Structures are given as structure tokens and as C-alpha cells.
C-alpha atoms as a PDB file:
ATOM      1  CA  UNK A   1       0.080   2.890  -8.777  1.00  0.00           C
ATOM      2  CA  UNK A   2       0.580   1.387 -12.071  1.00  0.00           C
ATOM      3  CA  UNK A   3       4.184   0.375 -11.000  1.00  0.00           C
ATOM      4  CA  UNK A   4       2.693  -1.547  -8.555  1.00  0.00           C
ATOM      5  CA  UNK A   5       1.104  -4.291 -10.617  1.00  0.00           C
ATOM      6  CA  UNK A   6       4.073  -6.367 -11.396  1.00  0.00           C
ATOM      7  CA  UNK A   7       4.172  -6.776  -7.432  1.00  0.00           C
ATOM      8  CA  UNK A   8       0.607  -7.948  -7.427  1.00  0.00           C
ATOM      9  CA  UNK A   9       1.114 -10.032 -10.552  1.00  0.00           C
ATOM     10  CA  UNK A  10       4.118 -11.722  -8.767  1.00  0.00           C
ATOM     11  CA  UNK A  11       1.899 -12.232  -5.562  1.00  0.00           C
ATOM     12  CA  UNK A  12      -0.636 -13.491  -7.592  1.00  0.00           C
ATOM     13  CA  UNK A  13       1.763 -16.015  -9.759  1.00  0.00           C
ATOM     14  CA  UNK A  14       3.500 -17.624  -6.121  1.00  0.00           C
ATOM     15  CA  UNK A  15       0.052 -17.917  -4.211  1.00  0.00           C
ATOM     16  CA  UNK A  16      -2.995 -17.613  -7.090  1.00  0.00           C
ATOM     17  CA  UNK A  17      -5.212 -18.242  -3.896  1.00  0.00           C
ATOM     18  CA  UNK A  18      -4.700 -14.850  -2.429  1.00  0.00           C
ATOM     19  CA  UNK A  19      -7.142 -12.284  -2.527  1.00  0.00           C
ATOM     20  CA  UNK A  20      -5.590  -8.899  -2.993  1.00  0.00           C
ATOM     21  CA  UNK A  21      -7.273  -5.366  -2.451  1.00  0.00           C
ATOM     22  CA  UNK A  22      -5.559  -2.165  -3.587  1.00  0.00           C
ATOM     23  CA  UNK A  23      -5.767   1.361  -1.853  1.00  0.00           C
ATOM     24  CA  UNK A  24      -5.691   4.123  -4.084  1.00  0.00           C
ATOM     25  CA  UNK A  25      -6.510   7.889  -4.775  1.00  0.00           C
ATOM     26  CA  UNK A  26     -10.009   8.827  -5.669  1.00  0.00           C
ATOM     27  CA  UNK A  27      -9.705   9.719  -9.400  1.00  0.00           C
ATOM     28  CA  UNK A  28      -6.876   7.245 -10.084  1.00  0.00           C
ATOM     29  CA  UNK A  29      -8.773   3.811  -9.739  1.00  0.00           C
ATOM     30  CA  UNK A  30      -9.917   3.424 -13.413  1.00  0.00           C
ATOM     31  CA  UNK A  31      -6.311   2.742 -14.052  1.00  0.00           C
ATOM     32  CA  UNK A  32      -6.470  -0.750 -12.049  1.00  0.00           C
ATOM     33  CA  UNK A  33     -10.223  -1.433 -11.865  1.00  0.00           C
ATOM     34  CA  UNK A  34     -10.009  -3.928 -14.495  1.00  0.00           C
ATOM     35  CA  UNK A  35      -6.802  -5.442 -13.384  1.00  0.00           C
ATOM     36  CA  UNK A  36      -8.046  -9.232 -12.929  1.00  0.00           C
ATOM     37  CA  UNK A  37      -5.473  -9.878  -9.911  1.00  0.00           C
ATOM     38  CA  UNK A  38      -7.023  -7.667  -8.043  1.00  0.00           C
ATOM     39  CA  UNK A  39     -10.152  -8.190  -5.858  1.00  0.00           C
ATOM     40  CA  UNK A  40     -11.405  -5.050  -4.796  1.00  0.00           C
ATOM     41  CA  UNK A  41      -9.983  -1.371  -5.406  1.00  0.00           C
ATOM     42  CA  UNK A  42     -10.396   0.845  -2.132  1.00  0.00           C
ATOM     43  CA  UNK A  43     -10.313   4.603  -2.660  1.00  0.00           C
ATOM     44  CA  UNK A  44      -9.661   7.771  -0.357  1.00  0.00           C
ATOM     45  CA  UNK A  45      -9.376  11.279  -1.208  1.00  0.00           C
ATOM     46  CA  UNK A  46      -6.085  12.666  -1.670  1.00  0.00           C
ATOM     47  CA  UNK A  47      -6.814  15.007   1.121  1.00  0.00           C
ATOM     48  CA  UNK A  48      -9.562  13.642   3.007  1.00  0.00           C
ATOM     49  CA  UNK A  49     -11.684  15.102   5.547  1.00  0.00           C
ATOM     50  CA  UNK A  50     -11.056  13.810   9.088  1.00  0.00           C
ATOM     51  CA  UNK A  51     -14.506  12.041   8.904  1.00  0.00           C
ATOM     52  CA  UNK A  52     -13.546  10.122   5.769  1.00  0.00           C
ATOM     53  CA  UNK A  53     -10.080   9.173   6.948  1.00  0.00           C
ATOM     54  CA  UNK A  54     -11.814   7.822  10.056  1.00  0.00           C
ATOM     55  CA  UNK A  55     -14.239   6.183   8.248  1.00  0.00           C
ATOM     56  CA  UNK A  56     -11.126   4.399   5.761  1.00  0.00           C
ATOM     57  CA  UNK A  57      -9.390   3.550   8.938  1.00  0.00           C
ATOM     58  CA  UNK A  58     -12.317   1.936  10.605  1.00  0.00           C
ATOM     59  CA  UNK A  59     -13.153  -0.161   7.124  1.00  0.00           C
ATOM     60  CA  UNK A  60      -9.349  -1.624   7.056  1.00  0.00           C
ATOM     61  CA  UNK A  61      -8.582  -2.046  10.567  1.00  0.00           C
ATOM     62  CA  UNK A  62      -6.754  -5.309  10.854  1.00  0.00           C
ATOM     63  CA  UNK A  63      -8.993  -6.507   8.062  1.00  0.00           C
ATOM     64  CA  UNK A  64      -5.784  -8.107   5.899  1.00  0.00           C
ATOM     65  CA  UNK A  65      -3.381 -10.928   7.043  1.00  0.00           C
ATOM     66  CA  UNK A  66      -0.685  -9.004   5.128  1.00  0.00           C
ATOM     67  CA  UNK A  67      -0.592  -5.468   3.951  1.00  0.00           C
ATOM     68  CA  UNK A  68       2.412  -4.202   1.896  1.00  0.00           C
ATOM     69  CA  UNK A  69       3.029  -0.315   1.334  1.00  0.00           C
ATOM     70  CA  UNK A  70       4.897  -0.156  -1.933  1.00  0.00           C
ATOM     71  CA  UNK A  71       5.491   3.557  -1.051  1.00  0.00           C
ATOM     72  CA  UNK A  72       7.833   5.093   1.286  1.00  0.00           C
ATOM     73  CA  UNK A  73       5.415   7.821   2.383  1.00  0.00           C
ATOM     74  CA  UNK A  74       3.961   8.388   5.754  1.00  0.00           C
ATOM     75  CA  UNK A  75       0.404   7.668   4.811  1.00  0.00           C
ATOM     76  CA  UNK A  76       0.840   4.512   2.717  1.00  0.00           C
ATOM     77  CA  UNK A  77       3.065   3.066   5.559  1.00  0.00           C
ATOM     78  CA  UNK A  78       0.431   4.416   8.460  1.00  0.00           C
ATOM     79  CA  UNK A  79      -2.153   2.440   6.106  1.00  0.00           C
ATOM     80  CA  UNK A  80      -0.304  -0.631   5.916  1.00  0.00           C
ATOM     81  CA  UNK A  81      -0.244  -0.635   9.758  1.00  0.00           C
ATOM     82  CA  UNK A  82      -3.596  -0.081  10.433  1.00  0.00           C
ATOM     83  CA  UNK A  83      -4.826  -2.808   7.661  1.00  0.00           C
ATOM     84  CA  UNK A  84      -2.406  -5.683   8.241  1.00  0.00           C
ATOM     85  CA  UNK A  85      -1.622  -8.216  11.134  1.00  0.00           C
ATOM     86  CA  UNK A  86       1.602  -8.466   9.258  1.00  0.00           C
ATOM     87  CA  UNK A  87       3.187  -5.414   7.647  1.00  0.00           C
ATOM     88  CA  UNK A  88       5.656  -5.036   4.719  1.00  0.00           C
ATOM     89  CA  UNK A  89       6.956  -1.890   3.215  1.00  0.00           C
ATOM     90  CA  UNK A  90       9.448   0.091   1.415  1.00  0.00           C
ATOM     91  CA  UNK A  91      11.018   3.093   3.296  1.00  0.00           C
ATOM     92  CA  UNK A  92      13.964   5.522   2.535  1.00  0.00           C
ATOM     93  CA  UNK A  93      17.187   4.284   4.280  1.00  0.00           C
ATOM     94  CA  UNK A  94      17.309   7.562   6.278  1.00  0.00           C
ATOM     95  CA  UNK A  95      16.841   8.495   9.867  1.00  0.00           C
ATOM     96  CA  UNK A  96      13.846  10.509   9.570  1.00  0.00           C
ATOM     97  CA  UNK A  97      11.889   7.250   8.775  1.00  0.00           C
ATOM     98  CA  UNK A  98      12.712   5.541  12.371  1.00  0.00           C
ATOM     99  CA  UNK A  99       9.341   5.802  13.415  1.00  0.00           C
ATOM    100  CA  UNK A 100       7.962   4.016  10.321  1.00  0.00           C
ATOM    101  CA  UNK A 101      10.363   1.381  10.600  1.00  0.00           C
ATOM    102  CA  UNK A 102       8.666   0.783  13.950  1.00  0.00           C
ATOM    103  CA  UNK A 103       5.222  -0.001  12.215  1.00  0.00           C
ATOM    104  CA  UNK A 104       6.561  -2.485   9.677  1.00  0.00           C
ATOM    105  CA  UNK A 105       7.529  -5.997  10.488  1.00  0.00           C
ATOM    106  CA  UNK A 106       9.928  -5.960   7.369  1.00  0.00           C
ATOM    107  CA  UNK A 107      11.069  -3.224   5.039  1.00  0.00           C
ATOM    108  CA  UNK A 108      13.314  -2.588   2.059  1.00  0.00           C
ATOM    109  CA  UNK A 109      15.045   0.487   0.896  1.00  0.00           C
ATOM    110  CA  UNK A 110      12.985   2.345  -1.506  1.00  0.00           C
ATOM    111  CA  UNK A 111      15.253   3.666  -4.214  1.00  0.00           C
ATOM    112  CA  UNK A 112      14.065   6.584  -6.113  1.00  0.00           C
ATOM    113  CA  UNK A 113      16.970   6.613  -8.547  1.00  0.00           C
ATOM    114  CA  UNK A 114      18.141   3.592  -9.712  1.00  0.00           C
ATOM    115  CA  UNK A 115      14.258   2.442 -10.352  1.00  0.00           C
ATOM    116  CA  UNK A 116      11.948   3.334 -13.159  1.00  0.00           C
ATOM    117  CA  UNK A 117       9.894   5.771 -10.963  1.00  0.00           C
ATOM    118  CA  UNK A 118       9.796   9.349 -11.325  1.00  0.00           C
ATOM    119  CA  UNK A 119      10.999  12.048  -8.863  1.00  0.00           C
END
């Protein structure tokens, strides 16, 4: 999540008028709550009940002009698809990600080896 803040900063620098919300797991929101470039921080439990997940999906359904998933996982990609009328994301360049490619308008390969992320 913290590694996503440069993306947010770049977006705000390029387009200062943007209103950016961030979806994070409950319990991690304190890391970005004071981040000035964010309008709102939404949370979801790491293992939400069906009811909690449906509530989130209803709340974000096509609410955003653009949704960006900076993680290559199933849920981040699905949440971007639900939330945005236009969807961007990072995906693993493998054959298992074919269905996620169909949910995104554009994607870039997720590099978990040559980046500053932890495996």
C-alpha cells in the first residue's frame, strides 16, 4: 500500500484536480490516512463476510471514472473492474491472468523481481 503512494503523487502532480480514493485492508489505513493527496480511504476486511463484500461492491459500483489496481492479485483487479468505468492495472505476464486482462482496459506487467517490493 505504501508503495502505491508514488503513483498517487504522480497522478496529483499531473492532474491536480483529481480526487483520489484508496481501498485498503482494515487495520492498514492508518499508514495513508494523513496522506494529503487522498480524498478518502475506504477499507475492507482481509477476509470479509459475503455481506461486507457485497456492501463494498454496491458502494463502489462504477463510482469512479478511472480505477487503477497497483497489485496483480485477483481481488484488486476485480475491485478495479467493479469500481471504474475505465480500468487500469498491473498483471503477471502469465497464462493464468487471461481473465483479468479481460476486466481491464489497459495493463502493464507486474514485476515483483526487479522492483522494490517484497516477494
